[in-house]
Amino acid sequence: MKEAAFRRTLAMTLAMLIAEFLFGTTVNLFVKIPGDHPGANPPEYFGGLVTSVSWAILHGGLWLTLHAALGLLLVLAALGTLVQAVRLRGGGRITLAALGFVGVLGAGFNGGSFLNYHEDFSSMLMAVGFALAMAAYVALLYSLPALSTRAPAATETPLGIAAGPGRLIQVLCPRSRSTTS
């Protein structure tokens, strides 16, 4: 059950990443961000970040508004993916979810930096953050066990484990199968 919820969260996060990439590309190609909007060239980074992102969402035009708002939602989705990975345990799963979260967070902060200072390098770092997050989440999705589509056999429990003490030992201790030589 938790594994299925994790898979859904991961799929939604990947879909949001793709949409965010498309919105960002549209903003990059077709939207002119004024250099004198509220929050531009701030004396203090984080105060300017809040002001710039607020301006982008409230007054930035359709594509910039969608890009900024989805970016904020994506941070929450990446955090939710990381929390679920921690709850499900597994070092590789947690590492990949953490890398995805770092990628999303890095892209977001560089998006704010682009709004603040209009440096093309910030736009490039957004793309790097996207690539890191996408690679981590695709690897994480690939590493999950495949969904079983077969119906359980009559001798299996609802969890798909074959009944009987011998099978239980095989499930709990897969390497302790007795072999005779």
N, C-alpha and C. Protein backbone atom coordinates (compact mmCIF):
# COMPACT_ATOMS: atom_id res chain seq x y z
N MET A 1 0.82 -1.20 0.00
CA MET A 1 0.00 0.00 0.00
C MET A 1 0.87 1.27 0.00
N LYS A 2 1.85 1.31 0.92
CA LYS A 2 2.73 2.47 0.97
C LYS A 2 3.58 2.57 -0.29
N GLU A 3 3.98 1.40 -0.81
CA GLU A 3 4.78 1.37 -2.03
C GLU A 3 3.99 1.93 -3.21
N ALA A 4 2.71 1.62 -3.29
CA ALA A 4 1.86 2.14 -4.38
C ALA A 4 1.68 3.65 -4.25
N ALA A 5 1.50 4.14 -3.04
CA ALA A 5 1.37 5.59 -2.83
C ALA A 5 2.67 6.30 -3.19
N PHE A 6 3.79 5.68 -2.85
CA PHE A 6 5.09 6.26 -3.20
C PHE A 6 5.26 6.32 -4.72
N ARG A 7 4.87 5.26 -5.39
CA ARG A 7 4.96 5.21 -6.85
C ARG A 7 4.09 6.31 -7.48
N ARG A 8 2.88 6.53 -6.94
CA ARG A 8 2.00 7.59 -7.46
C ARG A 8 2.61 8.98 -7.23
N THR A 9 3.16 9.19 -6.04
CA THR A 9 3.79 10.48 -5.73
C THR A 9 4.97 10.73 -6.66
N LEU A 10 5.76 9.71 -6.88
CA LEU A 10 6.92 9.83 -7.76
C LEU A 10 6.49 10.13 -9.20
N ALA A 11 5.46 9.44 -9.68
CA ALA A 11 4.96 9.69 -11.04
C ALA A 11 4.42 11.12 -11.17
N MET A 12 3.71 11.59 -10.15
CA MET A 12 3.17 12.95 -10.19
C MET A 12 4.31 13.98 -10.17
N THR A 13 5.33 13.72 -9.37
CA THR A 13 6.48 14.63 -9.32
C THR A 13 7.19 14.68 -10.67
N LEU A 14 7.36 13.53 -11.31
CA LEU A 14 7.97 13.52 -12.64
C LEU A 14 7.13 14.27 -13.66
N ALA A 15 5.82 14.09 -13.61
CA ALA A 15 4.93 14.82 -14.54
C ALA A 15 5.02 16.33 -14.29
N MET A 16 5.08 16.71 -13.03
CA MET A 16 5.22 18.14 -12.70
C MET A 16 6.55 18.69 -13.19
N LEU A 17 7.62 17.90 -13.07
CA LEU A 17 8.93 18.33 -13.57
C LEU A 17 8.89 18.58 -15.08
N ILE A 18 8.25 17.71 -15.81
CA ILE A 18 8.15 17.87 -17.26
C ILE A 18 7.35 19.13 -17.61
N ALA A 19 6.23 19.33 -16.92
CA ALA A 19 5.42 20.54 -17.16
C ALA A 19 6.22 21.79 -16.80
N GLU A 20 6.97 21.74 -15.70
CA GLU A 20 7.78 22.89 -15.27
C GLU A 20 8.85 23.21 -16.31
N PHE A 21 9.46 22.18 -16.86
CA PHE A 21 10.45 22.37 -17.92
C PHE A 21 9.83 23.05 -19.14
N LEU A 22 8.65 22.60 -19.54
CA LEU A 22 7.98 23.20 -20.70
C LEU A 22 7.57 24.64 -20.43
N PHE A 23 7.04 24.92 -19.23
CA PHE A 23 6.69 26.30 -18.88
C PHE A 23 7.94 27.18 -18.86
N GLY A 24 9.03 26.66 -18.29
CA GLY A 24 10.28 27.42 -18.24
C GLY A 24 10.84 27.72 -19.61
N THR A 25 10.76 26.75 -20.50
CA THR A 25 11.22 26.97 -21.88
C THR A 25 10.38 28.03 -22.56
N THR A 26 9.08 27.99 -22.32
CA THR A 26 8.17 29.00 -22.90
C THR A 26 8.51 30.38 -22.36
N VAL A 27 8.74 30.49 -21.05
CA VAL A 27 9.12 31.77 -20.46
C VAL A 27 10.43 32.26 -21.06
N ASN A 28 11.39 31.38 -21.18
CA ASN A 28 12.71 31.74 -21.70
C ASN A 28 12.61 32.27 -23.13
N LEU A 29 11.76 31.65 -23.94
CA LEU A 29 11.68 32.03 -25.35
C LEU A 29 10.74 33.20 -25.65
N PHE A 30 9.64 33.31 -24.88
CA PHE A 30 8.57 34.23 -25.29
C PHE A 30 8.20 35.30 -24.27
N VAL A 31 8.79 35.30 -23.09
CA VAL A 31 8.40 36.27 -22.06
C VAL A 31 9.58 37.19 -21.77
N LYS A 32 9.31 38.48 -21.78
CA LYS A 32 10.33 39.48 -21.43
C LYS A 32 10.07 39.90 -19.98
N ILE A 33 11.01 39.56 -19.12
CA ILE A 33 10.89 39.93 -17.70
C ILE A 33 11.54 41.30 -17.53
N PRO A 34 10.78 42.28 -17.03
CA PRO A 34 11.35 43.63 -16.87
C PRO A 34 12.48 43.63 -15.83
N GLY A 35 13.46 44.45 -16.06
CA GLY A 35 14.59 44.54 -15.14
C GLY A 35 14.32 45.37 -13.91
N ASP A 36 13.16 46.03 -13.85
CA ASP A 36 12.87 46.91 -12.71
C ASP A 36 11.61 46.49 -11.95
N HIS A 37 11.25 45.21 -11.99
CA HIS A 37 10.08 44.75 -11.26
C HIS A 37 10.38 44.75 -9.76
N PRO A 38 9.35 44.69 -8.91
CA PRO A 38 9.60 44.61 -7.47
C PRO A 38 10.44 43.38 -7.14
N GLY A 39 11.51 43.59 -6.41
CA GLY A 39 12.41 42.50 -6.04
C GLY A 39 13.64 42.42 -6.91
N ALA A 40 13.67 43.15 -8.02
CA ALA A 40 14.84 43.11 -8.91
C ALA A 40 16.03 43.82 -8.26
N ASN A 41 17.22 43.25 -8.43
CA ASN A 41 18.47 43.80 -7.90
C ASN A 41 18.37 44.15 -6.41
N PRO A 42 17.99 43.19 -5.58
CA PRO A 42 17.81 43.49 -4.16
C PRO A 42 19.15 43.59 -3.43
N PRO A 43 19.17 44.33 -2.33
CA PRO A 43 20.40 44.38 -1.53
C PRO A 43 20.59 43.08 -0.72
N GLU A 44 19.51 42.36 -0.51
CA GLU A 44 19.55 41.12 0.29
C GLU A 44 18.83 40.03 -0.50
N TYR A 45 19.49 38.88 -0.72
CA TYR A 45 19.01 37.86 -1.63
C TYR A 45 17.63 37.32 -1.26
N PHE A 46 17.44 36.83 -0.03
CA PHE A 46 16.20 36.14 0.32
C PHE A 46 14.99 37.07 0.35
N GLY A 47 15.18 38.30 0.79
CA GLY A 47 14.08 39.27 0.74
C GLY A 47 13.68 39.56 -0.70
N GLY A 48 14.68 39.71 -1.56
CA GLY A 48 14.41 39.94 -2.98
C GLY A 48 13.77 38.71 -3.63
N LEU A 49 14.18 37.52 -3.19
CA LEU A 49 13.61 36.28 -3.72
C LEU A 49 12.11 36.23 -3.44
N VAL A 50 11.72 36.50 -2.21
CA VAL A 50 10.29 36.46 -1.85
C VAL A 50 9.52 37.51 -2.64
N THR A 51 10.07 38.71 -2.74
CA THR A 51 9.39 39.78 -3.48
C THR A 51 9.30 39.46 -4.97
N SER A 52 10.38 38.95 -5.55
CA SER A 52 10.39 38.63 -6.98
C SER A 52 9.42 37.51 -7.32
N VAL A 53 9.43 36.45 -6.52
CA VAL A 53 8.54 35.31 -6.79
C VAL A 53 7.09 35.74 -6.58
N SER A 54 6.83 36.54 -5.56
CA SER A 54 5.46 37.05 -5.36
C SER A 54 5.02 37.88 -6.55
N TRP A 55 5.92 38.74 -7.04
CA TRP A 55 5.57 39.55 -8.22
C TRP A 55 5.32 38.64 -9.42
N ALA A 56 6.16 37.62 -9.61
CA ALA A 56 6.02 36.72 -10.77
C ALA A 56 4.67 36.00 -10.74
N ILE A 57 4.25 35.56 -9.56
CA ILE A 57 2.98 34.84 -9.46
C ILE A 57 1.79 35.78 -9.62
N LEU A 58 1.87 36.96 -9.04
CA LEU A 58 0.71 37.88 -9.06
C LEU A 58 0.65 38.76 -10.31
N HIS A 59 1.80 39.10 -10.90
CA HIS A 59 1.79 40.08 -11.98
C HIS A 59 2.67 39.70 -13.17
N GLY A 60 3.16 38.49 -13.23
CA GLY A 60 4.15 38.12 -14.24
C GLY A 60 3.60 37.69 -15.58
N GLY A 61 2.33 37.66 -15.75
CA GLY A 61 1.77 37.16 -17.00
C GLY A 61 1.54 35.66 -16.88
N LEU A 62 0.75 35.12 -17.80
CA LEU A 62 0.31 33.73 -17.70
C LEU A 62 1.46 32.74 -17.57
N TRP A 63 2.44 32.75 -18.48
CA TRP A 63 3.48 31.71 -18.50
C TRP A 63 4.42 31.83 -17.30
N LEU A 64 4.79 33.04 -16.95
CA LEU A 64 5.66 33.22 -15.79
C LEU A 64 4.92 32.86 -14.50
N THR A 65 3.64 33.20 -14.42
CA THR A 65 2.83 32.82 -13.25
C THR A 65 2.75 31.31 -13.12
N LEU A 66 2.46 30.62 -14.23
CA LEU A 66 2.39 29.16 -14.19
C LEU A 66 3.73 28.55 -13.80
N HIS A 67 4.81 29.08 -14.35
CA HIS A 67 6.14 28.56 -14.07
C HIS A 67 6.50 28.75 -12.59
N ALA A 68 6.28 29.92 -12.06
CA ALA A 68 6.63 30.20 -10.66
C ALA A 68 5.75 29.43 -9.69
N ALA A 69 4.45 29.40 -9.96
CA ALA A 69 3.53 28.70 -9.05
C ALA A 69 3.79 27.19 -9.07
N LEU A 70 3.99 26.62 -10.25
CA LEU A 70 4.28 25.19 -10.33
C LEU A 70 5.62 24.88 -9.68
N GLY A 71 6.57 25.79 -9.77
CA GLY A 71 7.86 25.59 -9.12
C GLY A 71 7.71 25.47 -7.61
N LEU A 72 6.86 26.30 -7.02
CA LEU A 72 6.61 26.21 -5.57
C LEU A 72 5.92 24.89 -5.22
N LEU A 73 4.96 24.50 -6.03
CA LEU A 73 4.29 23.20 -5.79
C LEU A 73 5.26 22.04 -5.97
N LEU A 74 6.18 22.18 -6.89
CA LEU A 74 7.16 21.13 -7.14
C LEU A 74 8.10 20.94 -5.94
N VAL A 75 8.42 22.01 -5.26
CA VAL A 75 9.24 21.89 -4.04
C VAL A 75 8.48 21.05 -3.00
N LEU A 76 7.19 21.30 -2.87
CA LEU A 76 6.39 20.50 -1.93
C LEU A 76 6.29 19.05 -2.36
N ALA A 77 6.14 18.80 -3.66
CA ALA A 77 6.07 17.43 -4.17
C ALA A 77 7.40 16.70 -3.94
N ALA A 78 8.51 17.39 -4.17
CA ALA A 78 9.83 16.78 -3.96
C ALA A 78 10.05 16.49 -2.48
N LEU A 79 9.60 17.38 -1.62
CA LEU A 79 9.70 17.14 -0.18
C LEU A 79 8.83 15.94 0.22
N GLY A 80 7.63 15.86 -0.33
CA GLY A 80 6.75 14.73 -0.05
C GLY A 80 7.35 13.42 -0.53
N THR A 81 8.01 13.43 -1.68
CA THR A 81 8.68 12.24 -2.19
C THR A 81 9.80 11.81 -1.24
N LEU A 82 10.56 12.77 -0.75
CA LEU A 82 11.65 12.47 0.17
C LEU A 82 11.11 11.91 1.49
N VAL A 83 10.06 12.51 2.02
CA VAL A 83 9.47 12.02 3.28
C VAL A 83 8.96 10.59 3.11
N GLN A 84 8.29 10.31 2.02
CA GLN A 84 7.81 8.95 1.78
C GLN A 84 8.97 7.97 1.63
N ALA A 85 10.04 8.37 0.97
CA ALA A 85 11.21 7.50 0.82
C ALA A 85 11.82 7.18 2.18
N VAL A 86 11.89 8.18 3.05
CA VAL A 86 12.43 7.95 4.40
C VAL A 86 11.54 6.99 5.18
N ARG A 87 10.24 7.15 5.07
CA ARG A 87 9.31 6.26 5.78
C ARG A 87 9.38 4.83 5.27
N LEU A 88 9.62 4.66 3.97
CA LEU A 88 9.71 3.31 3.40
C LEU A 88 11.07 2.67 3.63
N ARG A 89 12.04 3.46 4.01
CA ARG A 89 13.41 3.02 4.27
C ARG A 89 14.10 2.54 3.00
N GLY A 90 15.34 2.24 3.15
CA GLY A 90 16.14 1.81 2.00
C GLY A 90 17.09 2.92 1.61
N GLY A 91 18.39 2.70 1.81
CA GLY A 91 19.38 3.74 1.59
C GLY A 91 19.40 4.30 0.18
N GLY A 92 19.32 3.42 -0.82
CA GLY A 92 19.34 3.89 -2.20
C GLY A 92 18.13 4.74 -2.53
N ARG A 93 16.98 4.32 -2.03
CA ARG A 93 15.74 5.06 -2.27
C ARG A 93 15.82 6.46 -1.65
N ILE A 94 16.32 6.52 -0.43
CA ILE A 94 16.43 7.82 0.27
C ILE A 94 17.45 8.71 -0.44
N THR A 95 18.56 8.12 -0.85
CA THR A 95 19.60 8.90 -1.54
C THR A 95 19.07 9.51 -2.84
N LEU A 96 18.39 8.71 -3.63
CA LEU A 96 17.86 9.22 -4.91
C LEU A 96 16.77 10.27 -4.67
N ALA A 97 15.90 10.05 -3.69
CA ALA A 97 14.87 11.05 -3.38
C ALA A 97 15.51 12.35 -2.88
N ALA A 98 16.58 12.23 -2.09
CA ALA A 98 17.28 13.42 -1.60
C ALA A 98 17.95 14.18 -2.75
N LEU A 99 18.55 13.44 -3.69
CA LEU A 99 19.15 14.08 -4.86
C LEU A 99 18.09 14.80 -5.69
N GLY A 100 16.93 14.18 -5.85
CA GLY A 100 15.84 14.83 -6.57
C GLY A 100 15.39 16.10 -5.88
N PHE A 101 15.28 16.04 -4.56
CA PHE A 101 14.88 17.22 -3.79
C PHE A 101 15.92 18.34 -3.93
N VAL A 102 17.20 17.98 -3.84
CA VAL A 102 18.26 18.98 -3.99
C VAL A 102 18.21 19.61 -5.39
N GLY A 103 17.96 18.79 -6.40
CA GLY A 103 17.85 19.32 -7.76
C GLY A 103 16.70 20.31 -7.90
N VAL A 104 15.54 19.94 -7.36
CA VAL A 104 14.37 20.84 -7.43
C VAL A 104 14.64 22.12 -6.65
N LEU A 105 15.20 21.98 -5.45
CA LEU A 105 15.47 23.15 -4.62
C LEU A 105 16.51 24.06 -5.29
N GLY A 106 17.56 23.45 -5.86
CA GLY A 106 18.58 24.24 -6.55
C GLY A 106 18.01 24.97 -7.75
N ALA A 107 17.17 24.29 -8.52
CA ALA A 107 16.53 24.94 -9.66
C ALA A 107 15.65 26.09 -9.20
N GLY A 108 14.93 25.88 -8.11
CA GLY A 108 14.04 26.93 -7.60
C GLY A 108 14.80 28.16 -7.13
N PHE A 109 15.87 27.94 -6.36
CA PHE A 109 16.64 29.10 -5.89
C PHE A 109 17.32 29.83 -7.05
N ASN A 110 17.75 29.10 -8.06
CA ASN A 110 18.34 29.77 -9.21
C ASN A 110 17.30 30.46 -10.07
N GLY A 111 16.06 29.97 -10.05
CA GLY A 111 14.97 30.69 -10.70
C GLY A 111 14.74 32.03 -10.03
N GLY A 112 14.74 32.01 -8.69
CA GLY A 112 14.61 33.27 -7.95
C GLY A 112 15.79 34.19 -8.20
N SER A 113 16.97 33.62 -8.30
CA SER A 113 18.17 34.40 -8.59
C SER A 113 18.09 35.03 -9.98
N PHE A 114 17.53 34.28 -10.93
CA PHE A 114 17.35 34.84 -12.27
C PHE A 114 16.39 36.03 -12.23
N LEU A 115 15.30 35.88 -11.47
CA LEU A 115 14.37 37.01 -11.34
C LEU A 115 15.04 38.20 -10.67
N ASN A 116 15.88 37.94 -9.67
CA ASN A 116 16.53 39.03 -8.94
C ASN A 116 17.58 39.75 -9.78
N TYR A 117 18.44 39.00 -10.46
CA TYR A 117 19.64 39.60 -11.06
C TYR A 117 19.73 39.47 -12.58
N HIS A 118 18.84 38.72 -13.22
CA HIS A 118 18.80 38.58 -14.68
C HIS A 118 20.11 38.05 -15.27
N GLU A 119 20.76 37.15 -14.57
CA GLU A 119 22.00 36.54 -15.05
C GLU A 119 21.67 35.23 -15.77
N ASP A 120 22.16 35.08 -16.99
CA ASP A 120 21.90 33.87 -17.77
C ASP A 120 22.43 32.61 -17.08
N PHE A 121 23.50 32.76 -16.29
CA PHE A 121 24.06 31.61 -15.59
C PHE A 121 23.04 31.00 -14.63
N SER A 122 22.18 31.82 -14.05
CA SER A 122 21.13 31.31 -13.16
C SER A 122 20.16 30.44 -13.94
N SER A 123 19.86 30.82 -15.16
CA SER A 123 18.99 30.02 -16.02
C SER A 123 19.63 28.68 -16.34
N MET A 124 20.93 28.70 -16.58
CA MET A 124 21.65 27.45 -16.84
C MET A 124 21.64 26.55 -15.60
N LEU A 125 21.79 27.12 -14.43
CA LEU A 125 21.76 26.33 -13.19
C LEU A 125 20.37 25.78 -12.91
N MET A 126 19.33 26.49 -13.37
CA MET A 126 17.98 25.91 -13.27
C MET A 126 17.91 24.63 -14.09
N ALA A 127 18.47 24.66 -15.29
CA ALA A 127 18.47 23.47 -16.15
C ALA A 127 19.26 22.33 -15.53
N VAL A 128 20.38 22.65 -14.87
CA VAL A 128 21.17 21.62 -14.18
C VAL A 128 20.36 21.00 -13.04
N GLY A 129 19.67 21.83 -12.28
CA GLY A 129 18.82 21.32 -11.20
C GLY A 129 17.71 20.43 -11.73
N PHE A 130 17.10 20.84 -12.83
CA PHE A 130 16.08 20.01 -13.46
C PHE A 130 16.65 18.66 -13.88
N ALA A 131 17.82 18.68 -14.53
CA ALA A 131 18.43 17.44 -15.00
C ALA A 131 18.78 16.51 -13.84
N LEU A 132 19.29 17.07 -12.75
CA LEU A 132 19.61 16.26 -11.57
C LEU A 132 18.34 15.63 -11.00
N ALA A 133 17.30 16.43 -10.85
CA ALA A 133 16.04 15.92 -10.29
C ALA A 133 15.43 14.86 -11.21
N MET A 134 15.39 15.13 -12.50
CA MET A 134 14.82 14.18 -13.44
C MET A 134 15.59 12.86 -13.42
N ALA A 135 16.91 12.94 -13.47
CA ALA A 135 17.72 11.72 -13.46
C ALA A 135 17.52 10.93 -12.16
N ALA A 136 17.48 11.62 -11.04
CA ALA A 136 17.30 10.94 -9.75
C ALA A 136 15.93 10.27 -9.67
N TYR A 137 14.89 10.97 -10.10
CA TYR A 137 13.54 10.40 -9.99
C TYR A 137 13.31 9.27 -11.00
N VAL A 138 13.89 9.37 -12.18
CA VAL A 138 13.77 8.28 -13.15
C VAL A 138 14.53 7.05 -12.63
N ALA A 139 15.72 7.25 -12.07
CA ALA A 139 16.47 6.14 -11.49
C ALA A 139 15.70 5.53 -10.32
N LEU A 140 15.07 6.37 -9.53
CA LEU A 140 14.28 5.89 -8.40
C LEU A 140 13.09 5.07 -8.89
N LEU A 141 12.41 5.55 -9.91
CA LEU A 141 11.28 4.82 -10.46
C LEU A 141 11.73 3.48 -11.05
N TYR A 142 12.86 3.50 -11.72
CA TYR A 142 13.41 2.28 -12.32
C TYR A 142 13.81 1.27 -11.25
N SER A 143 14.27 1.76 -10.09
CA SER A 143 14.74 0.87 -9.03
C SER A 143 13.61 0.23 -8.23
N LEU A 144 12.39 0.73 -8.37
CA LEU A 144 11.27 0.15 -7.62
C LEU A 144 10.93 -1.22 -8.19
N PRO A 145 10.48 -2.11 -7.32
CA PRO A 145 10.08 -3.42 -7.84
C PRO A 145 8.89 -3.29 -8.79
N ALA A 146 8.86 -4.19 -9.76
CA ALA A 146 7.78 -4.16 -10.76
C ALA A 146 6.45 -4.47 -10.09
N LEU A 147 5.42 -3.86 -10.61
CA LEU A 147 4.08 -4.16 -10.12
C LEU A 147 3.66 -5.54 -10.59
N SER A 148 3.09 -6.29 -9.69
CA SER A 148 2.62 -7.63 -10.05
C SER A 148 1.22 -7.52 -10.64
N THR A 149 1.04 -8.13 -11.81
CA THR A 149 -0.27 -8.06 -12.45
C THR A 149 -1.00 -9.39 -12.41
N ARG A 150 -0.33 -10.41 -11.86
CA ARG A 150 -0.98 -11.72 -11.81
C ARG A 150 -1.86 -11.83 -10.58
N ALA A 151 -2.87 -12.68 -10.67
CA ALA A 151 -3.75 -12.93 -9.53
C ALA A 151 -3.03 -13.90 -8.58
N PRO A 152 -3.19 -13.73 -7.26
CA PRO A 152 -2.53 -14.63 -6.33
C PRO A 152 -3.05 -16.05 -6.47
N ALA A 153 -2.14 -17.00 -6.34
CA ALA A 153 -2.51 -18.42 -6.41
C ALA A 153 -3.30 -18.79 -5.16
N ALA A 154 -3.98 -19.92 -5.23
CA ALA A 154 -4.82 -20.36 -4.10
C ALA A 154 -4.01 -20.60 -2.84
N THR A 155 -2.72 -20.92 -2.96
CA THR A 155 -1.90 -21.20 -1.79
C THR A 155 -1.15 -19.97 -1.29
N GLU A 156 -1.48 -18.79 -1.83
CA GLU A 156 -0.80 -17.58 -1.40
C GLU A 156 -1.67 -16.77 -0.46
N THR A 157 -1.02 -16.04 0.40
CA THR A 157 -1.71 -15.14 1.31
C THR A 157 -2.08 -13.88 0.53
N PRO A 158 -2.87 -12.98 1.10
CA PRO A 158 -3.22 -11.74 0.39
C PRO A 158 -2.00 -10.89 0.04
N LEU A 159 -0.86 -11.09 0.74
CA LEU A 159 0.33 -10.31 0.42
C LEU A 159 1.14 -10.94 -0.69
N GLY A 160 0.69 -12.09 -1.23
CA GLY A 160 1.39 -12.73 -2.33
C GLY A 160 2.47 -13.69 -1.88
N ILE A 161 2.50 -14.03 -0.59
CA ILE A 161 3.50 -14.95 -0.07
C ILE A 161 2.89 -16.35 -0.07
N ALA A 162 3.59 -17.28 -0.64
CA ALA A 162 3.10 -18.67 -0.66
C ALA A 162 3.00 -19.19 0.77
N ALA A 163 1.93 -19.92 1.03
CA ALA A 163 1.70 -20.45 2.37
C ALA A 163 2.68 -21.57 2.68
N GLY A 164 2.89 -21.81 3.94
CA GLY A 164 3.72 -22.91 4.38
C GLY A 164 4.98 -22.41 5.06
N PRO A 165 5.48 -23.15 6.07
CA PRO A 165 6.65 -22.69 6.83
C PRO A 165 7.92 -22.64 5.98
N GLY A 166 8.07 -23.55 5.02
CA GLY A 166 9.26 -23.53 4.18
C GLY A 166 9.34 -22.27 3.34
N ARG A 167 8.22 -21.85 2.79
CA ARG A 167 8.19 -20.62 1.97
C ARG A 167 8.42 -19.39 2.83
N LEU A 168 7.92 -19.39 4.06
CA LEU A 168 8.12 -18.26 4.95
C LEU A 168 9.60 -18.09 5.25
N ILE A 169 10.31 -19.18 5.45
CA ILE A 169 11.74 -19.10 5.70
C ILE A 169 12.45 -18.56 4.46
N GLN A 170 12.02 -18.98 3.26
CA GLN A 170 12.62 -18.47 2.03
C GLN A 170 12.41 -16.97 1.88
N VAL A 171 11.23 -16.48 2.28
CA VAL A 171 10.93 -15.06 2.16
C VAL A 171 11.73 -14.25 3.17
N LEU A 172 11.79 -14.73 4.41
CA LEU A 172 12.48 -13.99 5.46
C LEU A 172 14.00 -14.09 5.34
N CYS A 173 14.50 -15.20 4.90
CA CYS A 173 15.95 -15.44 4.79
C CYS A 173 16.26 -16.02 3.41
N PRO A 174 16.25 -15.22 2.36
CA PRO A 174 16.38 -15.76 1.01
C PRO A 174 17.71 -16.46 0.75
N ARG A 175 18.74 -16.13 1.48
CA ARG A 175 20.04 -16.75 1.22
C ARG A 175 20.28 -17.99 2.08
N SER A 176 19.34 -18.34 2.94
CA SER A 176 19.54 -19.48 3.84
C SER A 176 18.90 -20.75 3.32
N ARG A 177 18.62 -20.78 2.01
CA ARG A 177 18.05 -21.99 1.42
C ARG A 177 19.04 -23.13 1.56
N SER A 178 18.57 -24.24 2.03
CA SER A 178 19.48 -25.37 2.21
C SER A 178 19.76 -26.00 0.86
N THR A 179 21.01 -26.28 0.64
CA THR A 179 21.42 -26.95 -0.59
C THR A 179 22.17 -28.21 -0.20
N THR A 180 21.89 -29.25 -0.88
CA THR A 180 22.58 -30.52 -0.61
C THR A 180 23.56 -30.77 -1.72
N SER A 181 24.72 -31.25 -1.34
CA SER A 181 25.73 -31.51 -2.36
C SER A 181 26.10 -32.97 -2.42
